[in-house]
PDB file of N, CA and C in Angstrom:
ATOM      1  N   MET A   1     123.359 106.224 115.212  1.00  0.00           N
ATOM      2  CA  MET A   1     122.911 105.781 113.914  1.00  0.00           C
ATOM      3  C   MET A   1     123.785 106.472 112.859  1.00  0.00           C
ATOM      4  N   ASN A   2     124.362 105.706 111.978  1.00  0.00           N
ATOM      5  CA  ASN A   2     125.248 106.249 110.956  1.00  0.00           C
ATOM      6  C   ASN A   2     124.711 105.970 109.568  1.00  0.00           C
ATOM      7  N   VAL A   3     124.884 106.962 108.684  1.00  0.00           N
ATOM      8  CA  VAL A   3     124.542 106.798 107.279  1.00  0.00           C
ATOM      9  C   VAL A   3     125.707 107.343 106.480  1.00  0.00           C
ATOM     10  N   VAL A   4     126.181 106.580 105.536  1.00  0.00           N
ATOM     11  CA  VAL A   4     127.322 106.980 104.722  1.00  0.00           C
ATOM     12  C   VAL A   4     126.819 107.688 103.468  1.00  0.00           C
ATOM     13  N   VAL A   5     127.410 108.858 103.184  1.00  0.00           N
ATOM     14  CA  VAL A   5     127.073 109.600 101.968  1.00  0.00           C
ATOM     15  C   VAL A   5     128.116 109.230 100.921  1.00  0.00           C
ATOM     16  N   ARG A   6     127.656 108.634  99.846  1.00  0.00           N
ATOM     17  CA  ARG A   6     128.568 108.208  98.775  1.00  0.00           C
ATOM     18  C   ARG A   6     128.402 109.107  97.565  1.00  0.00           C
ATOM     19  N   ASP A   7     129.487 109.523  96.993  1.00  0.00           N
ATOM     20  CA  ASP A   7     129.505 110.339  95.768  1.00  0.00           C
ATOM     21  C   ASP A   7     128.643 111.594  95.903  1.00  0.00           C
ATOM     22  N   ASN A   8     128.652 112.215  97.076  1.00  0.00           N
ATOM     23  CA  ASN A   8     127.864 113.433  97.343  1.00  0.00           C
ATOM     24  C   ASN A   8     126.382 113.252  97.051  1.00  0.00           C
ATOM     25  N   ASN A   9     125.890 112.034  97.176  1.00  0.00           N
ATOM     26  CA  ASN A   9     124.480 111.754  96.925  1.00  0.00           C
ATOM     27  C   ASN A   9     123.729 111.844  98.259  1.00  0.00           C
ATOM     28  N   VAL A  10     123.342 113.077  98.601  1.00  0.00           N
ATOM     29  CA  VAL A  10     122.688 113.329  99.878  1.00  0.00           C
ATOM     30  C   VAL A  10     121.267 112.765  99.890  1.00  0.00           C
ATOM     31  N   ASP A  11     120.584 112.810  98.746  1.00  0.00           N
ATOM     32  CA  ASP A  11     119.214 112.314  98.679  1.00  0.00           C
ATOM     33  C   ASP A  11     119.151 110.833  99.036  1.00  0.00           C
ATOM     34  N   GLN A  12     120.067 110.065  98.498  1.00  0.00           N
ATOM     35  CA  GLN A  12     120.095 108.633  98.789  1.00  0.00           C
ATOM     36  C   GLN A  12     120.405 108.389 100.265  1.00  0.00           C
ATOM     37  N   ALA A  13     121.317 109.178 100.828  1.00  0.00           N
ATOM     38  CA  ALA A  13     121.663 109.034 102.239  1.00  0.00           C
ATOM     39  C   ALA A  13     120.470 109.400 103.124  1.00  0.00           C
ATOM     40  N   LEU A  14     119.724 110.425 102.744  1.00  0.00           N
ATOM     41  CA  LEU A  14     118.538 110.820 103.503  1.00  0.00           C
ATOM     42  C   LEU A  14     117.489 109.714 103.493  1.00  0.00           C
ATOM     43  N   ARG A  15     117.290 109.118 102.326  1.00  0.00           N
ATOM     44  CA  ARG A  15     116.335 108.006 102.228  1.00  0.00           C
ATOM     45  C   ARG A  15     116.748 106.865 103.135  1.00  0.00           C
ATOM     46  N   ALA A  16     118.047 106.557 103.142  1.00  0.00           N
ATOM     47  CA  ALA A  16     118.548 105.470 103.987  1.00  0.00           C
ATOM     48  C   ALA A  16     118.349 105.812 105.463  1.00  0.00           C
ATOM     49  N   LEU A  17     118.593 107.075 105.829  1.00  0.00           N
ATOM     50  CA  LEU A  17     118.398 107.501 107.214  1.00  0.00           C
ATOM     51  C   LEU A  17     116.942 107.386 107.623  1.00  0.00           C
ATOM     52  N   LYS A  18     116.032 107.837 106.770  1.00  0.00           N
ATOM     53  CA  LYS A  18     114.606 107.752 107.079  1.00  0.00           C
ATOM     54  C   LYS A  18     114.168 106.306 107.236  1.00  0.00           C
ATOM     55  N   LYS A  19     114.690 105.429 106.386  1.00  0.00           N
ATOM     56  CA  LYS A  19     114.332 104.016 106.459  1.00  0.00           C
ATOM     57  C   LYS A  19     114.804 103.403 107.781  1.00  0.00           C
ATOM     58  N   LYS A  20     116.037 103.763 108.192  1.00  0.00           N
ATOM     59  CA  LYS A  20     116.564 103.254 109.456  1.00  0.00           C
ATOM     60  C   LYS A  20     115.745 103.772 110.631  1.00  0.00           C
ATOM     61  N   MET A  21     115.375 105.050 110.580  1.00  0.00           N
ATOM     62  CA  MET A  21     114.590 105.647 111.661  1.00  0.00           C
ATOM     63  C   MET A  21     113.203 105.000 111.731  1.00  0.00           C
ATOM     64  N   GLN A  22     112.631 104.701 110.574  1.00  0.00           N
ATOM     65  CA  GLN A  22     111.325 104.042 110.533  1.00  0.00           C
ATOM     66  C   GLN A  22     111.409 102.660 111.174  1.00  0.00           C
ATOM     67  N   ARG A  23     112.457 101.905 110.833  1.00  0.00           N
ATOM     68  CA  ARG A  23     112.636 100.569 111.398  1.00  0.00           C
ATOM     69  C   ARG A  23     112.825 100.607 112.908  1.00  0.00           C
ATOM     70  N   GLU A  24     113.540 101.622 113.393  1.00  0.00           N
ATOM     71  CA  GLU A  24     113.800 101.747 114.825  1.00  0.00           C
ATOM     72  C   GLU A  24     112.574 102.236 115.593  1.00  0.00           C
ATOM     73  N   GLY A  25     111.591 102.799 114.888  1.00  0.00           N
ATOM     74  CA  GLY A  25     110.392 103.286 115.555  1.00  0.00           C
ATOM     75  C   GLY A  25     110.534 104.690 116.116  1.00  0.00           C
ATOM     76  N   ILE A  26     111.489 105.451 115.617  1.00  0.00           N
ATOM     77  CA  ILE A  26     111.738 106.798 116.135  1.00  0.00           C
ATOM     78  C   ILE A  26     110.598 107.738 115.792  1.00  0.00           C
ATOM     79  N   PHE A  27     110.076 107.668 114.566  1.00  0.00           N
ATOM     80  CA  PHE A  27     108.990 108.559 114.161  1.00  0.00           C
ATOM     81  C   PHE A  27     107.749 108.308 115.013  1.00  0.00           C
ATOM     82  N   ARG A  28     107.470 107.057 115.276  1.00  0.00           N
ATOM     83  CA  ARG A  28     106.298 106.701 116.078  1.00  0.00           C
ATOM     84  C   ARG A  28     106.444 107.230 117.500  1.00  0.00           C
ATOM     85  N   GLU A  29     107.649 107.073 118.053  1.00  0.00           N
ATOM     86  CA  GLU A  29     107.886 107.548 119.406  1.00  0.00           C
ATOM     87  C   GLU A  29     107.809 109.073 119.483  1.00  0.00           C
ATOM     88  N   MET A  30     108.315 109.755 118.473  1.00  0.00           N
ATOM     89  CA  MET A  30     108.222 111.221 118.449  1.00  0.00           C
ATOM     90  C   MET A  30     106.765 111.657 118.434  1.00  0.00           C
ATOM     91  N   LYS A  31     105.952 110.964 117.676  1.00  0.00           N
ATOM     92  CA  LYS A  31     104.525 111.293 117.605  1.00  0.00           C
ATOM     93  C   LYS A  31     103.865 111.081 118.963  1.00  0.00           C
ATOM     94  N   LEU A  32     104.218 109.993 119.641  1.00  0.00           N
ATOM     95  CA  LEU A  32     103.629 109.701 120.945  1.00  0.00           C
ATOM     96  C   LEU A  32     104.065 110.715 122.002  1.00  0.00           C
ATOM     97  N   ARG A  33     105.287 111.183 121.920  1.00  0.00           N
ATOM     98  CA  ARG A  33     105.817 112.100 122.925  1.00  0.00           C
ATOM     99  C   ARG A  33     105.461 113.557 122.658  1.00  0.00           C
ATOM    100  N   ARG A  34     104.757 113.810 121.573  1.00  0.00           N
ATOM    101  CA  ARG A  34     104.380 115.182 121.240  1.00  0.00           C
ATOM    102  C   ARG A  34     103.517 115.803 122.336  1.00  0.00           C
ATOM    103  N   ASN A  35     102.631 115.001 122.916  1.00  0.00           N
ATOM    104  CA  ASN A  35     101.755 115.454 123.988  1.00  0.00           C
ATOM    105  C   ASN A  35     101.915 114.530 125.184  1.00  0.00           C
ATOM    106  N   TYR A  36     101.608 115.067 126.367  1.00  0.00           N
ATOM    107  CA  TYR A  36     101.677 114.252 127.579  1.00  0.00           C
ATOM    108  C   TYR A  36     100.567 113.198 127.545  1.00  0.00           C
ATOM    109  N   GLU A  37     100.928 112.016 127.991  1.00  0.00           N
ATOM    110  CA  GLU A  37      99.972 110.923 128.039  1.00  0.00           C
ATOM    111  C   GLU A  37      99.905 110.409 129.483  1.00  0.00           C
ATOM    112  N   LYS A  38      98.709 110.406 130.031  1.00  0.00           N
ATOM    113  CA  LYS A  38      98.548 109.931 131.398  1.00  0.00           C
ATOM    114  C   LYS A  38      98.939 108.458 131.476  1.00  0.00           C
ATOM    115  N   PRO A  39      99.473 108.031 132.624  1.00  0.00           N
ATOM    116  CA  PRO A  39      99.880 106.627 132.758  1.00  0.00           C
ATOM    117  C   PRO A  39      98.739 105.646 132.488  1.00  0.00           C
ATOM    118  N   SER A  40      97.520 105.999 132.901  1.00  0.00           N
ATOM    119  CA  SER A  40      96.391 105.090 132.649  1.00  0.00           C
ATOM    120  C   SER A  40      96.100 105.000 131.152  1.00  0.00           C
ATOM    121  N   GLU A  41      96.216 106.125 130.435  1.00  0.00           N
ATOM    122  CA  GLU A  41      96.008 106.118 128.975  1.00  0.00           C
ATOM    123  C   GLU A  41      97.093 105.311 128.288  1.00  0.00           C
ATOM    124  N   ARG A  42      98.319 105.433 128.810  1.00  0.00           N
ATOM    125  CA  ARG A  42      99.441 104.691 128.227  1.00  0.00           C
ATOM    126  C   ARG A  42      99.226 103.188 128.379  1.00  0.00           C
ATOM    127  N   ARG A  43      98.808 102.768 129.575  1.00  0.00           N
ATOM    128  CA  ARG A  43      98.549 101.338 129.795  1.00  0.00           C
ATOM    129  C   ARG A  43      97.445 100.836 128.880  1.00  0.00           C
ATOM    130  N   ALA A  44      96.392 101.620 128.732  1.00  0.00           N
ATOM    131  CA  ALA A  44      95.277 101.212 127.868  1.00  0.00           C
ATOM    132  C   ALA A  44      95.728 101.105 126.423  1.00  0.00           C
ATOM    133  N   ARG A  45      96.531 102.076 125.967  1.00  0.00           N
ATOM    134  CA  ARG A  45      97.019 102.055 124.589  1.00  0.00           C
ATOM    135  C   ARG A  45      97.923 100.851 124.357  1.00  0.00           C
ATOM    136  N   GLU A  46      98.837 100.602 125.291  1.00  0.00           N
ATOM    137  CA  GLU A  46      99.753  99.474 125.132  1.00  0.00           C
ATOM    138  C   GLU A  46      99.010  98.141 125.149  1.00  0.00           C
ATOM    139  N   LYS A  47      97.979  98.039 125.989  1.00  0.00           N
ATOM    140  CA  LYS A  47      97.186  96.809 126.025  1.00  0.00           C
ATOM    141  C   LYS A  47      96.443  96.606 124.714  1.00  0.00           C
ATOM    142  N   ALA A  48      95.878  97.693 124.169  1.00  0.00           N
ATOM    143  CA  ALA A  48      95.162  97.605 122.894  1.00  0.00           C
ATOM    144  C   ALA A  48      96.123  97.221 121.770  1.00  0.00           C
ATOM    145  N   GLU A  49      97.342  97.762 121.803  1.00  0.00           N
ATOM    146  CA  GLU A  49      98.335  97.407 120.783  1.00  0.00           C
ATOM    147  C   GLU A  49      98.699  95.930 120.880  1.00  0.00           C
ATOM    148  N   ALA A  50      98.834  95.436 122.103  1.00  0.00           N
ATOM    149  CA  ALA A  50      99.170  94.016 122.297  1.00  0.00           C
ATOM    150  C   ALA A  50      98.054  93.131 121.760  1.00  0.00           C
ATOM    151  N   VAL A  51      96.804  93.508 122.026  1.00  0.00           N
ATOM    152  CA  VAL A  51      95.660  92.732 121.523  1.00  0.00           C
ATOM    153  C   VAL A  51      95.666  92.737 119.999  1.00  0.00           C
ATOM    154  N   ARG A  52      95.933  93.908 119.416  1.00  0.00           N
ATOM    155  CA  ARG A  52      95.962  94.033 117.955  1.00  0.00           C
ATOM    156  C   ARG A  52      97.056  93.147 117.355  1.00  0.00           C
ATOM    157  N   ARG A  53      98.247  93.173 117.976  1.00  0.00           N
ATOM    158  CA  ARG A  53      99.355  92.341 117.488  1.00  0.00           C
ATOM    159  C   ARG A  53      98.999  90.861 117.589  1.00  0.00           C
ATOM    160  N   HIS A  54      98.378  90.472 118.701  1.00  0.00           N
ATOM    161  CA  HIS A  54      98.014  89.065 118.904  1.00  0.00           C
ATOM    162  C   HIS A  54      96.995  88.611 117.861  1.00  0.00           C
ATOM    163  N   ARG A  55      95.973  89.442 117.607  1.00  0.00           N
ATOM    164  CA  ARG A  55      94.966  89.077 116.606  1.00  0.00           C
ATOM    165  C   ARG A  55      95.574  88.970 115.215  1.00  0.00           C
ATOM    166  N   LYS A  56      96.503  89.868 114.914  1.00  0.00           N
ATOM    167  CA  LYS A  56      97.163  89.822 113.608  1.00  0.00           C
ATOM    168  C   LYS A  56      97.971  88.534 113.475  1.00  0.00           C
ATOM    169  N   LEU A  57      98.667  88.155 114.548  1.00  0.00           N
ATOM    170  CA  LEU A  57      99.437  86.919 114.544  1.00  0.00           C
ATOM    171  C   LEU A  57      98.525  85.716 114.337  1.00  0.00           C
ATOM    172  N   LEU A  58      97.384  85.703 115.039  1.00  0.00           N
ATOM    173  CA  LEU A  58      96.438  84.593 114.877  1.00  0.00           C
ATOM    174  C   LEU A  58      95.890  84.526 113.453  1.00  0.00           C
ATOM    175  N   ARG A  59      95.571  85.708 112.891  1.00  0.00           N
ATOM    176  CA  ARG A  59      95.070  85.746 111.509  1.00  0.00           C
ATOM    177  C   ARG A  59      96.083  85.162 110.541  1.00  0.00           C
ATOM    178  N   LYS A  60      97.342  85.564 110.693  1.00  0.00           N
ATOM    179  CA  LYS A  60      98.384  85.051 109.800  1.00  0.00           C
ATOM    180  C   LYS A  60      98.578  83.549 109.982  1.00  0.00           C
ATOM    181  N   ARG A  61      98.519  83.092 111.252  1.00  0.00           N
ATOM    182  CA  ARG A  61      98.696  81.677 111.530  1.00  0.00           C
ATOM    183  C   ARG A  61      97.574  80.859 110.899  1.00  0.00           C
ATOM    184  N   MET A  62      96.329  81.354 111.027  1.00  0.00           N
ATOM    185  CA  MET A  62      95.170  80.648 110.454  1.00  0.00           C
ATOM    186  C   MET A  62      95.278  80.639 108.938  1.00  0.00           C
ATOM    187  N   GLU A  63      95.714  81.749 108.347  1.00  0.00           N
ATOM    188  CA  GLU A  63      95.852  81.809 106.900  1.00  0.00           C
ATOM    189  C   GLU A  63      96.891  80.819 106.406  1.00  0.00           C
ATOM    190  N   ARG A  64      97.978  80.711 107.152  1.00  0.00           N
ATOM    191  CA  ARG A  64      99.054  79.796 106.784  1.00  0.00           C
ATOM    192  C   ARG A  64      98.594  78.341 106.855  1.00  0.00           C
ATOM    193  N   GLU A  65      97.736  78.039 107.837  1.00  0.00           N
ATOM    194  CA  GLU A  65      97.263  76.662 108.008  1.00  0.00           C
ATOM    195  C   GLU A  65      96.120  76.320 107.072  1.00  0.00           C
ATOM    196  N   GLY A  66      95.563  77.321 106.399  1.00  0.00           N
ATOM    197  CA  GLY A  66      94.546  77.050 105.385  1.00  0.00           C
ATOM    198  C   GLY A  66      93.117  77.098 105.876  1.00  0.00           C
ATOM    199  N   PHE A  67      92.864  77.808 106.937  1.00  0.00           N
ATOM    200  CA  PHE A  67      91.493  77.923 107.444  1.00  0.00           C
ATOM    201  C   PHE A  67      90.775  79.087 106.828  1.00  0.00           C
TER     202      PHE A  67
END
């Protein structure tokens, strides 16, 4: 991952780096890896996330169609 520092503006480069890391999901993964997670807990969490994503997609689809 590369971030260009222009005109010695480190603050702007840091913001750009944080934004890229957020998009890539690095912060989320670091949080998850902070503690050990049993494989059964991981499967349950991933399944719950999938259900949440699916419901959100359905909600957006229904809203778009005018229901």
